[in-house]
Amino acid sequence: MADRPTAAQRRHTALRSALDEQLSALGEPPYTGPDLPPAVLEACARALLRARRGGREPHRPALKAVVRATLAELAARHPGQALEVRVPPYGAVQCLEGPRHTRGTPPGVVETDPLTWTALAVGDLTWTEAVDSRRVSASGVRADLAPMLPLWPRPGAPTPVGSGPGNSD
């Protein structure tokens, strides 16, 4: 019996396909960088933001794949259940150590739209800018994601506390 692809492999395949579709919509050549999950994820996120800056509608499957993968990356880097990060309609994760949330509204909630989350994840937007402009709703004592974002700092920028080489699987 043939081995079935893992969930991580299926997510990576979907992300890779969505990246090439977004690049095509931008009139750019297909992705030729390393076929590693973090590299493909960052490339796809940056392509989505280029589309938005260019006045184009980001490719919906790419946006969905990026949001889900970056939320999974955040939760993998900062495990726990003290904060819920919501990016409707694509996903939500619980992260950060602290009091465990099991029912109802968690004590800490962060919510934003998919493009704002993508910009935060790659460093095109700072946490402070997003909160000050009300593009992010954050409540609770642990609802400050500034030390955890961006997931991939710009070259030459200092690495945020608690981040490092992550695996977006």
Protein backbone atom coordinates (compact mmCIF):
# COMPACT_ATOMS: atom_id res chain seq x y z
CA MET A 1 0.00 0.00 0.00
CA ALA A 2 1.40 3.40 -0.96
CA ASP A 3 2.18 5.86 1.82
CA ARG A 4 -0.30 8.68 2.07
CA PRO A 5 1.15 12.19 2.25
CA THR A 6 1.18 13.71 5.72
CA ALA A 7 -0.87 16.78 6.54
CA ALA A 8 2.32 18.85 6.45
CA GLN A 9 3.18 17.50 2.99
CA ARG A 10 -0.32 18.27 1.72
CA ARG A 11 -0.13 21.82 3.14
CA HIS A 12 3.27 22.34 1.51
CA THR A 13 2.02 21.09 -1.86
CA ALA A 14 -1.02 23.37 -1.67
CA LEU A 15 1.15 26.33 -0.65
CA ARG A 16 3.63 25.70 -3.46
CA SER A 17 0.83 25.52 -6.03
CA ALA A 18 -0.84 28.65 -4.63
CA LEU A 19 2.49 30.51 -4.74
CA ASP A 20 3.01 29.76 -8.42
CA GLU A 21 -0.59 30.77 -9.20
CA GLN A 22 -0.12 34.08 -7.34
CA LEU A 23 3.17 34.72 -9.14
CA SER A 24 1.51 34.00 -12.48
CA ALA A 25 -1.30 36.44 -11.67
CA LEU A 26 1.39 39.06 -10.97
CA GLY A 27 3.03 38.33 -14.32
CA GLU A 28 6.09 36.92 -12.58
CA PRO A 29 7.92 33.66 -13.30
CA PRO A 30 7.32 30.57 -11.14
CA TYR A 31 9.17 30.27 -7.84
CA THR A 32 12.67 28.82 -8.21
CA GLY A 33 13.94 29.22 -4.65
CA PRO A 34 14.52 26.42 -2.16
CA ASP A 35 11.62 23.99 -1.84
CA LEU A 36 11.69 24.22 1.94
CA PRO A 37 8.47 25.01 3.81
CA PRO A 38 9.68 28.23 5.49
CA ALA A 39 11.15 29.62 2.24
CA VAL A 40 8.04 28.82 0.18
CA LEU A 41 5.79 30.24 2.89
CA GLU A 42 7.69 33.51 3.09
CA ALA A 43 7.84 33.81 -0.72
CA CYS A 44 4.09 33.26 -0.98
CA ALA A 45 3.34 35.79 1.76
CA ARG A 46 5.52 38.40 0.08
CA ALA A 47 3.84 37.71 -3.31
CA LEU A 48 0.43 38.31 -1.73
CA LEU A 49 1.57 41.63 -0.32
CA ARG A 50 3.03 42.66 -3.70
CA ALA A 51 -0.36 41.93 -5.25
CA ARG A 52 -2.09 44.11 -2.67
CA ARG A 53 0.42 46.96 -3.09
CA GLY A 54 -0.10 46.71 -6.85
CA GLY A 55 -3.86 47.16 -6.44
CA ARG A 56 -4.60 43.55 -7.36
CA GLU A 57 -6.74 41.09 -5.49
CA PRO A 58 -4.52 38.52 -3.76
CA HIS A 59 -5.06 34.93 -4.91
CA ARG A 60 -7.54 33.52 -2.37
CA PRO A 61 -6.08 29.98 -2.13
CA ALA A 62 -2.63 31.51 -1.57
CA LEU A 63 -3.97 33.80 1.16
CA LYS A 64 -5.71 30.89 2.86
CA ALA A 65 -2.57 28.73 2.70
CA VAL A 66 -0.33 31.50 4.03
CA VAL A 67 -2.64 32.37 6.92
CA ARG A 68 -3.00 28.77 8.01
CA ALA A 69 0.71 28.02 7.70
CA THR A 70 1.83 31.18 9.53
CA LEU A 71 -0.66 30.55 12.33
CA ALA A 72 0.68 27.00 12.64
CA GLU A 73 4.23 28.41 12.71
CA LEU A 74 3.30 30.85 15.48
CA ALA A 75 1.71 28.08 17.55
CA ALA A 76 4.71 25.77 16.99
CA ARG A 77 7.17 28.45 18.11
CA HIS A 78 5.08 29.56 21.10
CA PRO A 79 3.06 26.57 22.34
CA GLY A 80 0.34 26.92 24.92
CA GLN A 81 -3.29 27.86 25.31
CA ALA A 82 -3.27 31.26 26.99
CA LEU A 83 -3.91 33.31 23.84
CA GLU A 84 -6.12 32.72 20.84
CA VAL A 85 -5.04 34.30 17.56
CA ARG A 86 -7.89 34.56 15.07
CA VAL A 87 -7.64 35.38 11.37
CA PRO A 88 -11.14 34.88 10.01
CA PRO A 89 -12.25 33.22 7.85
CA TYR A 90 -9.11 31.09 7.53
CA GLY A 91 -8.04 30.02 10.96
CA ALA A 92 -7.34 30.42 14.63
CA VAL A 93 -4.72 28.95 16.94
CA GLN A 94 -4.07 28.91 20.63
CA CYS A 95 -0.55 29.71 21.74
CA LEU A 96 1.57 30.98 24.64
CA GLU A 97 2.05 29.34 27.99
CA GLY A 98 -0.22 30.46 30.80
CA PRO A 99 -3.72 29.76 32.07
CA ARG A 100 -5.37 27.12 29.92
CA HIS A 101 -8.48 28.06 28.00
CA THR A 102 -11.09 25.33 27.52
CA ARG A 103 -14.54 26.92 27.07
CA GLY A 104 -16.06 30.16 25.89
CA THR A 105 -14.04 33.22 25.06
CA PRO A 106 -10.40 32.82 26.03
CA PRO A 107 -8.81 35.34 28.44
CA GLY A 108 -6.56 36.64 25.65
CA VAL A 109 -7.65 37.15 22.05
CA VAL A 110 -5.97 38.70 19.03
CA GLU A 111 -8.01 39.09 15.85
CA THR A 112 -7.17 40.59 12.48
CA ASP A 113 -7.85 40.23 8.78
CA PRO A 114 -5.80 37.91 6.53
CA LEU A 115 -3.72 40.59 4.77
CA THR A 116 -2.88 42.41 8.00
CA TRP A 117 -1.80 39.10 9.54
CA THR A 118 0.35 38.33 6.49
CA ALA A 119 2.00 41.76 6.69
CA LEU A 120 2.69 41.22 10.40
CA ALA A 121 4.11 37.74 9.78
CA VAL A 122 6.71 38.97 7.26
CA GLY A 123 7.46 42.32 8.89
CA ASP A 124 5.82 44.67 6.40
CA LEU A 125 3.77 46.00 9.32
CA THR A 126 4.82 46.29 12.96
CA TRP A 127 2.66 45.17 15.85
CA THR A 128 2.49 48.75 17.16
CA GLU A 129 1.41 50.13 13.78
CA ALA A 130 -1.29 47.46 13.45
CA VAL A 131 -2.70 48.04 16.94
CA ASP A 132 -2.51 51.84 16.70
CA SER A 133 -4.34 51.82 13.35
CA ARG A 134 -6.94 49.41 14.77
CA ARG A 135 -6.13 46.79 12.14
CA VAL A 136 -5.67 44.37 15.04
CA SER A 137 -7.97 43.82 17.99
CA ALA A 138 -6.03 42.60 21.03
CA SER A 139 -7.41 41.93 24.50
CA GLY A 140 -5.94 40.28 27.56
CA VAL A 141 -2.63 40.52 29.39
CA ARG A 142 -0.84 38.17 26.98
CA ALA A 143 -2.23 39.71 23.80
CA ASP A 144 0.98 41.48 22.75
CA LEU A 145 2.57 39.66 19.82
CA ALA A 146 5.30 42.27 19.27
CA PRO A 147 8.08 40.01 20.64
CA MET A 148 6.98 37.14 18.36
CA LEU A 149 6.52 38.99 15.08
CA PRO A 150 7.63 39.11 12.37
CA LEU A 151 8.14 35.40 11.86
CA TRP A 152 10.84 36.22 9.29
CA PRO A 153 12.67 39.46 10.00
CA ARG A 154 13.99 41.50 7.13
CA PRO A 155 17.66 40.78 6.32
CA GLY A 156 19.86 42.69 8.74
CA ALA A 157 17.03 43.32 11.21
CA PRO A 158 17.39 42.05 14.79
CA THR A 159 15.71 38.70 15.45
CA PRO A 160 12.67 39.00 17.77
CA VAL A 161 12.87 37.31 21.16
CA GLY A 162 11.75 33.67 21.05
CA SER A 163 12.03 33.30 17.31
CA GLY A 164 14.51 31.38 15.35
CA PRO A 165 14.68 28.87 12.60
CA GLY A 166 11.16 27.54 12.59
CA ASN A 167 9.47 24.77 10.73
CA SER A 168 6.22 25.81 9.13
CA ASP A 169 5.02 22.21 8.83
